[in-house]
Amino acid sequence: MAFEPREPQKELKYDELRIYSDDELNNYTEEELKNFKVKHNIPDVEELEKGPWPSFVADAKREALHRRKLSEDRMMIERDVVEDLLGQLQVSFDDGETHWKHGGIVGVFGYGGGVIGRYSDLPKKFPSIAHFHTLRVNQPASKFYSTDYLRSICDLWEFRGSGLLNMHGSTGDIIFLGTFTEQLEPVFYELTHVLQQDLGGSGSNLRTPSCCVGRARCEWACYDTQDMCYELTHYYQDELHRPAFPYKFKFKFDGCPNCCVASIARADMSFIGTWRDNIRIDQKAVKAYIGGEIKPNGGAHTGKDWGKFDIQKEVIDLCPTQCMWMEDGKLMIDDKECTRCMHCINVMPQALRPGKDTGVTILFGAKAPILEGAQMALLTVPFMKVEHPYDNVKELIDKVWDWWMEEGKNRERLGELIQRYGVPKFLDVIGLPPMPQMVKEPRSNPYIFWKEEDVPGGWKRTIEDYRKRHAR
């Protein structure tokens, strides 16, 4: 079934929405940029322009010159916002500390998230960034954009903000960097009523779900990542916009084990596409790879002579479970030992494909090192079939959230709660039995703690009863 949005979508036309003319958007020459100096002395900041890599400082200077040449009525916040930003950054380098402060809660009416309040602690020296609030804008699934949309949001932010954007934040959102409090509601109105765009998550709530390109463009996708991301984003609107959790919670959707959005390392709940039948093998294509008729890795290594493709060295010997071998000129796979690492499929994409019985593996608890150290996600559900409207997934999510909201400490991520209580307790909460796939390595602790209900007869059984059935 083709993906369909929940509501009619407007066709955005930049010529109807644009704020600036072409002359205003291209209001300086490269020669003027070359001779441009910001109003503050920023020697350390300008060091970041040197070297072979693109520099945000160079981009910021372009924006500063552009704003300097716009007329006053074409900007709703102060002209010098970017120049003052660079000036304060230099002071931060000088002092070895940040000069941003959080001066309280700021946001838009009805939402508790989506806006990150930020203020300068040097407002008299840098008045244009006395307020420098950030807005998170919910990106479309897989980050598909039209040029009309991108031009429209750039015009909007040029007019009501600093003109600086981050495409994208680590959660996935479009990041609008820097505006005054008075512009928050107008920006929010334009986004929601004109551009049909919502804010993303911030604070102790569900952060903006993000997904890989999925079936829109990838042949390996084992489920529709875009549809699942879109459905859960709409279904959990309250959790996304009104913080009620102990801390942040992230969904990320990877269509296959290549993990292109790195959900296994960055999400409290990771959905990774997988299959439970056999890898499909085209033996003719395998021979074509061996014979050099098809380039390995989709031709990605073209341009350098790597020598003749060696299937033993480049595929079979690199299998983590050694479940592959050649037999009578054919590639054989012991699929029950396969861990779905995707290496063989990536090297020989025309010869190998994921199986047809597809679904998701669900993992919990990945996070960056904020309170405790960084941790990877815990494999919890080895395989689950997923189809719209994903009621089985929603049921699992609700169980996890109920427990986390009841037992989680302030600023404690789900992974830290699982560490504190232990995996057996977490499995009890979600109603799953322990499975071999959850085990990282064989048990090294010799002590096993049984529950009374797991022991025949419970704690009240007597040794005499046992001896009746087992002679000495």
Protein backbone atom coordinates (compact mmCIF):
# COMPACT_ATOMS: atom_id res chain seq x y z
CA MET A 1 0.00 0.00 0.00
CA ALA A 2 1.35 3.42 -0.93
CA PHE A 3 2.17 5.80 1.89
CA GLU A 4 -0.56 8.41 2.41
CA PRO A 5 -0.32 11.41 4.77
CA ARG A 6 -3.04 11.84 7.39
CA GLU A 7 -4.17 15.22 6.07
CA PRO A 8 -4.19 16.99 2.69
CA GLN A 9 -0.81 18.48 1.85
CA LYS A 10 -0.43 21.99 0.52
CA GLU A 11 1.71 22.51 -2.55
CA LEU A 12 4.16 25.15 -1.39
CA LYS A 13 5.22 27.59 -4.08
CA TYR A 14 8.17 29.78 -3.25
CA ASP A 15 7.12 32.52 -5.67
CA GLU A 16 3.94 32.95 -3.59
CA LEU A 17 5.65 32.66 -0.18
CA ARG A 18 8.94 34.44 -0.73
CA ILE A 19 9.86 37.42 1.42
CA TYR A 20 13.02 38.58 -0.35
CA SER A 21 13.69 39.45 -3.96
CA ASP A 22 16.60 37.96 -5.89
CA ASP A 23 18.47 41.25 -5.60
CA GLU A 24 18.08 41.20 -1.80
CA LEU A 25 19.23 37.60 -1.54
CA ASN A 26 22.31 38.29 -3.69
CA ASN A 27 23.19 41.71 -2.32
CA TYR A 28 26.98 41.45 -2.08
CA THR A 29 29.87 40.50 -4.33
CA GLU A 30 32.69 38.06 -3.66
CA GLU A 31 35.08 41.02 -3.67
CA GLU A 32 33.04 42.70 -0.92
CA LEU A 33 33.09 39.46 1.07
CA LYS A 34 36.86 39.20 0.67
CA ASN A 35 37.29 42.69 2.19
CA PHE A 36 34.56 42.31 4.83
CA LYS A 37 35.46 42.66 8.50
CA VAL A 38 33.01 42.03 11.33
CA LYS A 39 32.72 44.81 13.86
CA HIS A 40 34.52 42.80 16.59
CA ASN A 41 38.13 41.69 16.70
CA ILE A 42 37.96 37.87 16.41
CA PRO A 43 41.45 36.47 15.72
CA ASP A 44 40.91 33.05 17.33
CA VAL A 45 37.53 32.60 15.65
CA GLU A 46 39.04 33.42 12.27
CA GLU A 47 41.60 30.66 12.77
CA LEU A 48 38.70 28.27 12.21
CA GLU A 49 38.47 29.46 8.60
CA LYS A 50 41.91 28.06 7.80
CA GLY A 51 42.54 24.57 6.49
CA PRO A 52 40.89 22.40 3.82
CA TRP A 53 37.49 21.93 5.46
CA PRO A 54 34.34 24.08 5.16
CA SER A 55 34.03 26.55 8.04
CA PHE A 56 30.94 27.74 9.87
CA VAL A 57 32.82 31.01 10.46
CA ALA A 58 33.06 31.65 6.72
CA ASP A 59 29.33 30.91 6.38
CA ALA A 60 28.54 33.21 9.31
CA LYS A 61 30.53 36.03 7.71
CA ARG A 62 28.49 35.68 4.52
CA GLU A 63 25.32 35.98 6.56
CA ALA A 64 26.69 38.96 8.52
CA LEU A 65 27.55 40.85 5.31
CA HIS A 66 24.19 39.96 3.79
CA ARG A 67 22.37 41.38 6.85
CA ARG A 68 24.53 44.48 6.90
CA LYS A 69 23.37 45.33 3.38
CA LEU A 70 19.64 44.64 3.93
CA SER A 71 17.41 47.60 4.69
CA GLU A 72 16.25 47.96 8.30
CA ASP A 73 12.62 47.06 7.59
CA ARG A 74 13.62 43.69 6.10
CA MET A 75 14.66 42.17 9.45
CA MET A 76 12.57 41.70 12.58
CA ILE A 77 15.54 41.30 14.93
CA GLU A 78 18.71 43.36 15.10
CA ARG A 79 21.01 43.55 12.12
CA ASP A 80 24.20 42.73 14.07
CA VAL A 81 23.05 39.38 15.46
CA VAL A 82 25.63 37.30 13.57
CA GLU A 83 28.49 39.74 14.20
CA ASP A 84 27.70 39.81 17.92
CA LEU A 85 27.54 36.01 17.90
CA LEU A 86 31.07 35.80 16.51
CA GLY A 87 32.24 38.45 18.97
CA GLN A 88 30.91 36.53 21.96
CA LEU A 89 32.52 33.34 20.66
CA GLN A 90 35.87 35.13 20.69
CA VAL A 91 35.29 36.21 24.30
CA SER A 92 34.48 32.59 25.18
CA PHE A 93 37.82 31.54 23.67
CA ASP A 94 39.57 34.31 25.64
CA ASP A 95 37.95 33.34 28.94
CA GLY A 96 37.91 29.57 28.43
CA GLU A 97 34.22 29.36 29.32
CA THR A 98 30.84 29.77 27.66
CA HIS A 99 28.91 33.02 27.93
CA TRP A 100 25.50 31.51 27.26
CA LYS A 101 23.06 31.11 30.09
CA HIS A 102 19.61 29.58 30.47
CA GLY A 103 17.43 32.33 31.86
CA GLY A 104 14.23 30.38 32.42
CA ILE A 105 11.56 28.59 30.44
CA VAL A 106 10.60 30.09 27.09
CA GLY A 107 8.39 28.60 24.41
CA VAL A 108 5.24 28.88 22.33
CA PHE A 109 1.67 28.73 23.61
CA GLY A 110 0.43 25.17 24.20
CA TYR A 111 3.81 23.50 23.85
CA GLY A 112 6.35 22.65 26.51
CA GLY A 113 9.03 21.64 24.01
CA GLY A 114 10.43 22.71 20.69
CA VAL A 115 12.13 25.90 21.87
CA ILE A 116 15.45 26.00 23.72
CA GLY A 117 15.81 29.24 25.64
CA ARG A 118 19.23 30.82 25.39
CA TYR A 119 20.51 34.18 26.61
CA SER A 120 23.87 35.93 26.57
CA ASP A 121 25.42 36.76 29.95
CA LEU A 122 27.09 39.74 28.23
CA PRO A 123 23.96 41.53 26.92
CA LYS A 124 25.38 45.04 27.21
CA LYS A 125 28.46 44.12 25.18
CA PHE A 126 26.52 42.04 22.64
CA PRO A 127 22.95 43.41 22.63
CA SER A 128 21.91 41.72 19.39
CA ILE A 129 22.18 38.30 21.06
CA ALA A 130 20.77 39.24 24.47
CA HIS A 131 18.19 36.60 23.45
CA PHE A 132 19.32 33.82 21.13
CA HIS A 133 16.59 31.19 21.30
CA THR A 134 16.77 27.99 19.23
CA LEU A 135 13.74 26.36 17.60
CA ARG A 136 13.64 22.72 16.59
CA VAL A 137 11.54 22.09 13.49
CA ASN A 138 10.24 18.58 12.86
CA GLN A 139 11.96 17.29 9.73
CA PRO A 140 10.03 15.26 7.14
CA ALA A 141 10.59 11.50 7.19
CA SER A 142 13.95 10.64 5.60
CA LYS A 143 14.58 14.37 5.11
CA PHE A 144 12.98 14.70 1.69
CA TYR A 145 12.56 18.37 0.77
CA SER A 146 11.45 20.45 -2.15
CA THR A 147 13.52 23.51 -3.04
CA ASP A 148 10.37 25.63 -2.62
CA TYR A 149 10.07 24.48 0.98
CA LEU A 150 13.74 25.05 1.79
CA ARG A 151 13.75 28.51 0.26
CA SER A 152 10.58 29.39 2.16
CA ILE A 153 11.94 28.42 5.58
CA CYS A 154 15.22 30.19 4.85
CA ASP A 155 13.33 33.39 4.01
CA LEU A 156 11.22 33.06 7.15
CA TRP A 157 14.26 32.65 9.39
CA GLU A 158 16.14 35.45 7.64
CA PHE A 159 13.20 37.74 8.36
CA ARG A 160 12.42 36.74 11.96
CA GLY A 161 15.69 35.19 13.16
CA SER A 162 19.42 35.24 12.66
CA GLY A 163 19.34 33.52 9.28
CA LEU A 164 21.56 30.74 10.66
CA LEU A 165 20.29 27.14 10.43
CA ASN A 166 21.68 23.73 11.27
CA MET A 167 20.65 20.98 8.85
CA HIS A 168 20.32 18.81 11.00
CA GLY A 169 20.58 18.36 14.76
CA SER A 170 21.60 14.99 16.17
CA THR A 171 17.96 14.02 16.74
CA GLY A 172 17.17 14.97 13.14
CA ASP A 173 15.39 18.31 13.39
CA ILE A 174 15.98 21.41 11.33
CA ILE A 175 17.57 23.81 13.83
CA PHE A 176 16.72 27.52 13.71
CA LEU A 177 19.59 29.22 15.55
CA GLY A 178 18.93 32.47 17.31
CA THR A 179 15.97 34.82 17.69
CA PHE A 180 14.36 37.08 20.29
CA THR A 181 11.43 36.02 22.48
CA GLU A 182 9.03 38.36 20.65
CA GLN A 183 9.53 36.43 17.40
CA LEU A 184 8.74 32.95 18.72
CA GLU A 185 4.97 33.07 18.27
CA PRO A 186 5.12 34.68 14.79
CA VAL A 187 7.63 32.05 13.62
CA PHE A 188 5.47 29.27 15.10
CA TYR A 189 2.36 30.64 13.36
CA GLU A 190 4.09 30.85 9.99
CA LEU A 191 5.48 27.34 10.32
CA THR A 192 2.18 25.71 11.31
CA HIS A 193 -0.37 27.75 9.34
CA VAL A 194 1.55 28.60 6.19
CA LEU A 195 4.28 25.98 5.78
CA GLN A 196 2.26 23.13 7.39
CA GLN A 197 5.25 22.31 9.58
CA ASP A 198 5.43 21.43 13.28
CA LEU A 199 8.06 21.97 15.94
CA GLY A 200 10.15 19.05 17.12
CA GLY A 201 10.83 17.77 20.63
CA SER A 202 13.08 19.23 23.29
CA GLY A 203 13.32 18.77 27.04
CA SER A 204 12.10 15.73 28.98
CA ASN A 205 9.81 14.41 26.29
CA LEU A 206 9.70 12.27 23.19
CA ARG A 207 12.29 13.73 20.84
CA THR A 208 11.54 14.07 17.15
CA PRO A 209 11.48 10.53 15.66
CA SER A 210 13.83 10.05 12.71
CA CYS A 211 14.29 7.37 10.10
CA CYS A 212 16.54 6.29 7.25
CA VAL A 213 15.53 6.66 3.60
CA GLY A 214 13.78 3.29 3.80
CA ARG A 215 11.78 1.85 0.93
CA ALA A 216 11.64 5.21 -0.79
CA ARG A 217 15.08 4.60 -2.23
CA CYS A 218 16.80 1.63 -0.56
CA GLU A 219 16.44 -1.96 -1.75
CA TRP A 220 17.55 -3.38 1.63
CA ALA A 221 14.74 -1.83 3.72
CA CYS A 222 12.93 -4.62 5.56
CA TYR A 223 9.97 -2.45 6.62
CA ASP A 224 8.51 0.95 5.77
CA THR A 225 10.59 3.22 8.01
CA GLN A 226 8.91 6.39 6.75
CA ASP A 227 5.39 5.17 7.44
CA MET A 228 6.29 3.91 10.92
CA CYS A 229 8.12 7.15 11.80
CA TYR A 230 5.20 9.24 10.50
CA GLU A 231 2.57 7.15 12.33
CA LEU A 232 4.33 7.23 15.72
CA THR A 233 5.08 10.95 15.36
CA HIS A 234 1.36 11.67 14.93
CA TYR A 235 0.19 9.13 17.50
CA TYR A 236 2.42 10.44 20.29
CA GLN A 237 1.85 14.18 19.81
CA ASP A 238 1.28 14.86 23.52
CA GLU A 239 4.48 13.05 24.46
CA LEU A 240 6.36 14.99 21.78
CA HIS A 241 5.17 18.48 22.72
CA ARG A 242 4.38 18.36 26.45
CA PRO A 243 7.30 17.11 28.58
CA ALA A 244 6.21 14.59 31.20
CA PHE A 245 9.08 12.09 31.20
CA PRO A 246 12.01 11.72 33.61
CA TYR A 247 14.27 12.72 30.72
CA LYS A 248 14.49 12.57 26.91
CA PHE A 249 13.33 9.55 24.89
CA LYS A 250 14.30 8.86 21.28
CA PHE A 251 12.82 6.62 18.58
CA LYS A 252 15.01 5.91 15.55
CA PHE A 253 14.11 3.70 12.62
CA ASP A 254 16.73 1.82 10.57
CA GLY A 255 15.40 -0.11 7.60
CA CYS A 256 18.13 -2.76 7.75
CA PRO A 257 21.14 -3.75 9.88
CA ASN A 258 23.36 -1.25 8.03
CA CYS A 259 21.91 1.14 10.62
CA CYS A 260 22.17 4.34 8.57
CA VAL A 261 20.67 6.51 11.34
CA ALA A 262 22.80 4.72 13.97
CA SER A 263 19.78 3.83 16.09
CA ILE A 264 21.73 1.12 17.91
CA ALA A 265 23.98 3.78 19.45
CA ARG A 266 21.69 6.82 19.73
CA ALA A 267 18.11 5.80 20.53
CA ASP A 268 16.28 4.79 23.70
CA MET A 269 14.17 2.56 21.45
CA SER A 270 15.80 1.35 18.23
CA PHE A 271 13.92 -0.29 15.37
CA ILE A 272 16.25 -2.15 13.00
CA GLY A 273 14.89 -3.97 9.97
CA THR A 274 15.75 -7.66 9.74
CA TRP A 275 14.57 -10.99 8.32
CA ARG A 276 14.10 -14.46 9.82
CA ASP A 277 14.30 -16.69 6.76
CA ASN A 278 17.32 -17.37 4.55
CA ILE A 279 19.45 -14.88 2.68
CA ARG A 280 18.53 -15.07 -1.00
CA ILE A 281 21.47 -16.16 -3.18
CA ASP A 282 21.90 -15.70 -6.95
CA GLN A 283 24.66 -18.25 -7.70
CA LYS A 284 25.16 -16.90 -11.24
CA ALA A 285 25.88 -13.45 -9.83
CA VAL A 286 28.25 -14.97 -7.25
CA LYS A 287 30.26 -16.48 -10.12
CA ALA A 288 30.16 -13.12 -11.92
CA TYR A 289 31.68 -11.40 -8.89
CA ILE A 290 34.38 -14.09 -8.63
CA GLY A 291 35.10 -13.79 -12.34
CA GLY A 292 35.37 -9.99 -12.21
CA GLU A 293 32.32 -9.36 -14.38
CA ILE A 294 30.58 -7.43 -11.57
CA LYS A 295 32.43 -4.94 -9.42
CA PRO A 296 32.17 -5.59 -5.65
CA ASN A 297 30.69 -3.05 -3.22
CA GLY A 298 28.50 -1.60 -5.95
CA GLY A 299 31.59 -0.12 -7.60
CA ALA A 300 32.29 2.06 -4.56
CA HIS A 301 36.01 1.27 -4.65
CA THR A 302 36.44 2.08 -8.34
CA GLY A 303 39.35 4.40 -9.08
CA LYS A 304 42.13 2.39 -7.49
CA ASP A 305 43.51 -1.00 -8.47
CA TRP A 306 42.66 -3.21 -5.50
CA GLY A 307 43.50 -6.37 -7.40
CA LYS A 308 41.22 -9.24 -8.37
CA PHE A 309 38.18 -9.76 -6.14
CA ASP A 310 38.81 -12.59 -3.67
CA ILE A 311 35.55 -13.92 -2.21
CA GLN A 312 37.37 -15.99 0.40
CA LYS A 313 39.40 -13.07 1.69
CA GLU A 314 36.85 -10.27 1.26
CA VAL A 315 33.63 -12.04 2.22
CA ILE A 316 33.91 -15.52 3.72
CA ASP A 317 36.83 -14.88 6.07
CA LEU A 318 35.23 -11.62 7.29
CA CYS A 319 31.94 -13.27 8.32
CA PRO A 320 31.77 -12.75 12.10
CA THR A 321 30.20 -16.16 12.75
CA GLN A 322 32.04 -18.03 9.96
CA CYS A 323 28.73 -19.28 8.60
CA MET A 324 29.71 -19.09 4.90
CA TRP A 325 31.80 -21.33 2.64
CA MET A 326 32.24 -22.33 -1.00
CA GLU A 327 31.18 -25.82 -2.04
CA ASP A 328 31.35 -27.14 -5.60
CA GLY A 329 31.60 -23.59 -6.94
CA LYS A 330 28.56 -22.41 -4.99
CA LEU A 331 28.31 -20.05 -2.03
CA MET A 332 26.75 -21.79 0.97
CA ILE A 333 25.33 -20.09 4.08
CA ASP A 334 24.34 -21.69 7.40
CA ASP A 335 21.55 -19.17 8.02
CA LYS A 336 20.80 -20.22 11.57
CA GLU A 337 24.27 -18.93 12.51
CA CYS A 338 23.91 -15.65 10.57
CA THR A 339 23.79 -12.48 12.69
CA ARG A 340 22.54 -10.23 9.85
CA CYS A 341 25.67 -8.06 9.85
CA MET A 342 25.04 -7.20 6.14
CA HIS A 343 28.72 -7.38 5.18
CA CYS A 344 28.32 -10.05 2.53
CA ILE A 345 25.24 -8.33 1.08
CA ASN A 346 27.05 -4.98 0.94
CA VAL A 347 30.03 -6.49 -0.89
CA MET A 348 27.94 -8.51 -3.37
CA PRO A 349 24.60 -6.69 -3.64
CA GLN A 350 23.63 -8.32 -6.95
CA ALA A 351 24.28 -11.81 -5.59
CA LEU A 352 22.83 -11.63 -2.08
CA ARG A 353 19.62 -10.13 -0.73
CA PRO A 354 17.81 -10.15 2.63
CA GLY A 355 15.15 -12.80 3.08
CA LYS A 356 11.47 -12.22 2.35
CA ASP A 357 10.09 -12.81 5.88
CA THR A 358 10.91 -9.35 7.19
CA GLY A 359 10.21 -7.32 10.32
CA VAL A 360 12.14 -5.43 12.99
CA THR A 361 14.53 -6.14 15.79
CA ILE A 362 13.80 -3.84 18.76
CA LEU A 363 16.52 -2.65 21.10
CA PHE A 364 16.37 -0.37 24.15
CA GLY A 365 18.60 1.92 26.12
CA ALA A 366 21.29 3.48 23.89
CA LYS A 367 22.57 6.90 24.95
CA ALA A 368 25.44 9.36 24.89
CA PRO A 369 27.65 9.93 27.98
CA ILE A 370 25.71 12.55 29.96
CA LEU A 371 25.09 11.27 33.49
CA GLU A 372 26.59 7.81 33.12
CA GLY A 373 28.86 6.62 30.31
CA ALA A 374 27.72 6.01 26.75
CA GLN A 375 26.04 2.69 26.10
CA MET A 376 24.80 0.73 23.13
CA ALA A 377 21.25 -0.52 22.93
CA LEU A 378 20.17 -3.82 24.50
CA LEU A 379 18.68 -6.31 22.05
CA THR A 380 15.28 -7.10 23.56
CA VAL A 381 12.89 -8.26 20.82
CA PRO A 382 14.81 -10.34 18.25
CA PHE A 383 11.98 -10.22 15.71
CA MET A 384 8.58 -8.58 15.41
CA LYS A 385 6.32 -8.24 12.38
CA VAL A 386 5.27 -4.63 11.83
CA GLU A 387 2.39 -3.32 9.76
CA HIS A 388 0.34 -0.14 9.90
CA PRO A 389 -1.05 1.00 12.38
CA TYR A 390 1.66 -0.77 14.48
CA ASP A 391 -0.59 -1.60 17.44
CA ASN A 392 1.85 -4.27 18.69
CA VAL A 393 4.64 -1.69 18.76
CA LYS A 394 2.47 0.89 20.55
CA GLU A 395 1.51 -1.67 23.20
CA LEU A 396 5.19 -2.35 23.89
CA ILE A 397 6.02 1.37 24.02
CA ASP A 398 3.25 2.02 26.56
CA LYS A 399 4.53 -0.75 28.87
CA VAL A 400 8.05 0.68 28.78
CA TRP A 401 6.91 4.26 29.36
CA ASP A 402 4.62 3.32 32.26
CA TRP A 403 7.53 1.67 34.08
CA TRP A 404 10.08 4.36 33.26
CA MET A 405 7.77 7.19 34.33
CA GLU A 406 7.01 5.39 37.58
CA GLU A 407 10.53 4.31 38.52
CA GLY A 408 12.88 6.64 36.62
CA LYS A 409 14.79 9.30 38.53
CA ASN A 410 15.03 12.86 37.30
CA ARG A 411 17.33 12.99 34.22
CA GLU A 412 17.65 9.19 34.16
CA ARG A 413 17.51 7.71 30.67
CA LEU A 414 15.80 4.38 30.08
CA GLY A 415 19.15 2.60 29.63
CA GLU A 416 20.33 3.80 33.04
CA LEU A 417 17.09 2.61 34.64
CA ILE A 418 17.58 -0.82 33.05
CA GLN A 419 21.13 -0.88 34.42
CA ARG A 420 19.92 0.07 37.89
CA TYR A 421 17.12 -2.51 38.08
CA GLY A 422 18.69 -5.19 35.89
CA VAL A 423 17.57 -6.81 32.66
CA PRO A 424 15.39 -9.51 34.35
CA LYS A 425 13.20 -6.79 35.88
CA PHE A 426 12.90 -5.01 32.53
CA LEU A 427 11.87 -8.25 30.82
CA ASP A 428 9.22 -8.77 33.51
CA VAL A 429 7.84 -5.31 32.85
CA ILE A 430 7.43 -5.85 29.11
CA GLY A 431 6.34 -9.47 29.49
CA LEU A 432 9.08 -11.19 27.51
CA PRO A 433 10.97 -14.35 28.47
CA PRO A 434 14.79 -14.32 28.37
CA MET A 435 16.15 -15.41 25.01
CA PRO A 436 19.62 -16.45 23.80
CA GLN A 437 19.73 -13.45 21.43
CA MET A 438 19.79 -11.13 24.47
CA VAL A 439 22.97 -12.66 25.86
CA LYS A 440 26.24 -10.92 25.09
CA GLU A 441 28.44 -13.74 26.36
CA PRO A 442 28.09 -16.98 28.37
CA ARG A 443 27.36 -16.49 32.06
CA SER A 444 30.39 -15.85 34.25
CA ASN A 445 28.48 -15.31 37.50
CA PRO A 446 28.01 -18.73 39.24
CA TYR A 447 25.08 -17.50 41.36
CA ILE A 448 21.58 -17.93 39.95
CA PHE A 449 18.70 -16.32 41.81
CA TRP A 450 15.41 -18.11 41.29
CA LYS A 451 11.93 -16.72 41.79
CA GLU A 452 9.52 -18.70 43.92
CA GLU A 453 7.08 -19.17 41.05
CA ASP A 454 9.86 -20.68 38.93
CA VAL A 455 10.61 -23.41 41.48
CA PRO A 456 8.30 -26.49 41.50
CA GLY A 457 6.53 -26.43 44.86
CA GLY A 458 7.82 -22.97 45.69
CA TRP A 459 9.74 -22.22 48.88
CA LYS A 460 7.39 -24.42 50.98
CA ARG A 461 8.43 -27.76 49.54
CA THR A 462 10.09 -30.21 51.96
CA ILE A 463 13.14 -32.40 51.56
CA GLU A 464 11.03 -35.44 52.60
CA ASP A 465 8.79 -34.99 49.56
CA TYR A 466 11.85 -34.84 47.32
CA ARG A 467 13.30 -38.01 48.87
CA LYS A 468 10.13 -39.96 48.26
CA ARG A 469 10.70 -39.46 44.55
CA HIS A 470 14.49 -39.75 44.57
CA ALA A 471 16.05 -42.63 46.46
CA ARG A 472 19.39 -42.05 48.12
